[in-house]
Amino acid sequence: MNRVLPTTALATLLAVALPTVGQAQSEKVQIAVVVDVSRRVRGYVDRARERVNAAVLEAMNAPGSRAELALHTYGAGGVREVLEFTSRPEEFTEKLNEVYANENLSGGQEPCGHALTLVADDPAWSTVTNDLRIILIVGNESFDQTTRTGGRGTPHSRKGTDVARGLPNRTVETRSGDVVRAPIMLNTLHVGPRAEAERNKWKEAADLGRGTFENIDGR
């Protein structure tokens, strides 16, 4: 399917594609933003928030685009849904600002694979084939960090790159019982030195998820 992409770097970060002329107007874009709230991102909070807000607002304002936004956090306190899919950009911005203003940034594990698995399983994702589904994950630990998903003896979460590899081939069962393709594109935003991003597989994850990789360096 041919898509026309906005040309700015921020829109490219989200890979938000506009419908081509003559395509069905029912096509929409869903973007789930997943942000790390652990201690290691503390020095990058303002820049990360500004980058995500700018990109999301541009996506929402793109001509011909019907966008919905959701917000999740991971790292300190596990994976948490802060905002379910909404078409109101001001609501998303408010919640993102609250996350970075109010979260107690603390230590802990930041398992990208576990976060991606839970977000991808959200039943609110569209099952319409022509709709565009995107996850934008923000952080700076190893993308393949894992953690136990429950108590003693329970399995570890999957590596982030393994989850990323499966997103472009994702299928879901509709309410009518049909199994349809509903791929999710994965974009990654690493905060920290670029060398760490590549060593920790943030670029590899975006490539596997058929999305884009971006890095924020400097505090």
Foldseek 3Di string as FASTA:
>chain_A
DDFDFDDDPLLQLQRQTADDPPDDLVAEEEEEEEEEQAPVCLVVLVVVLVSVLVSVVCSLPDPSHQYWYWYWYAFPPGIGTQGDTDSDSVVVSVSSVCCSVPDPHHHGDGALQVNLVVVVPPPPADQDPNYAAEYEYEEQAQQQDWDAPDDPPGDIGGGNLVSLLCQQQDWDADPVGDIGGDHYQYRYEYEEDPVSCVVSCNQVSNVSSVGYYHYHYDD
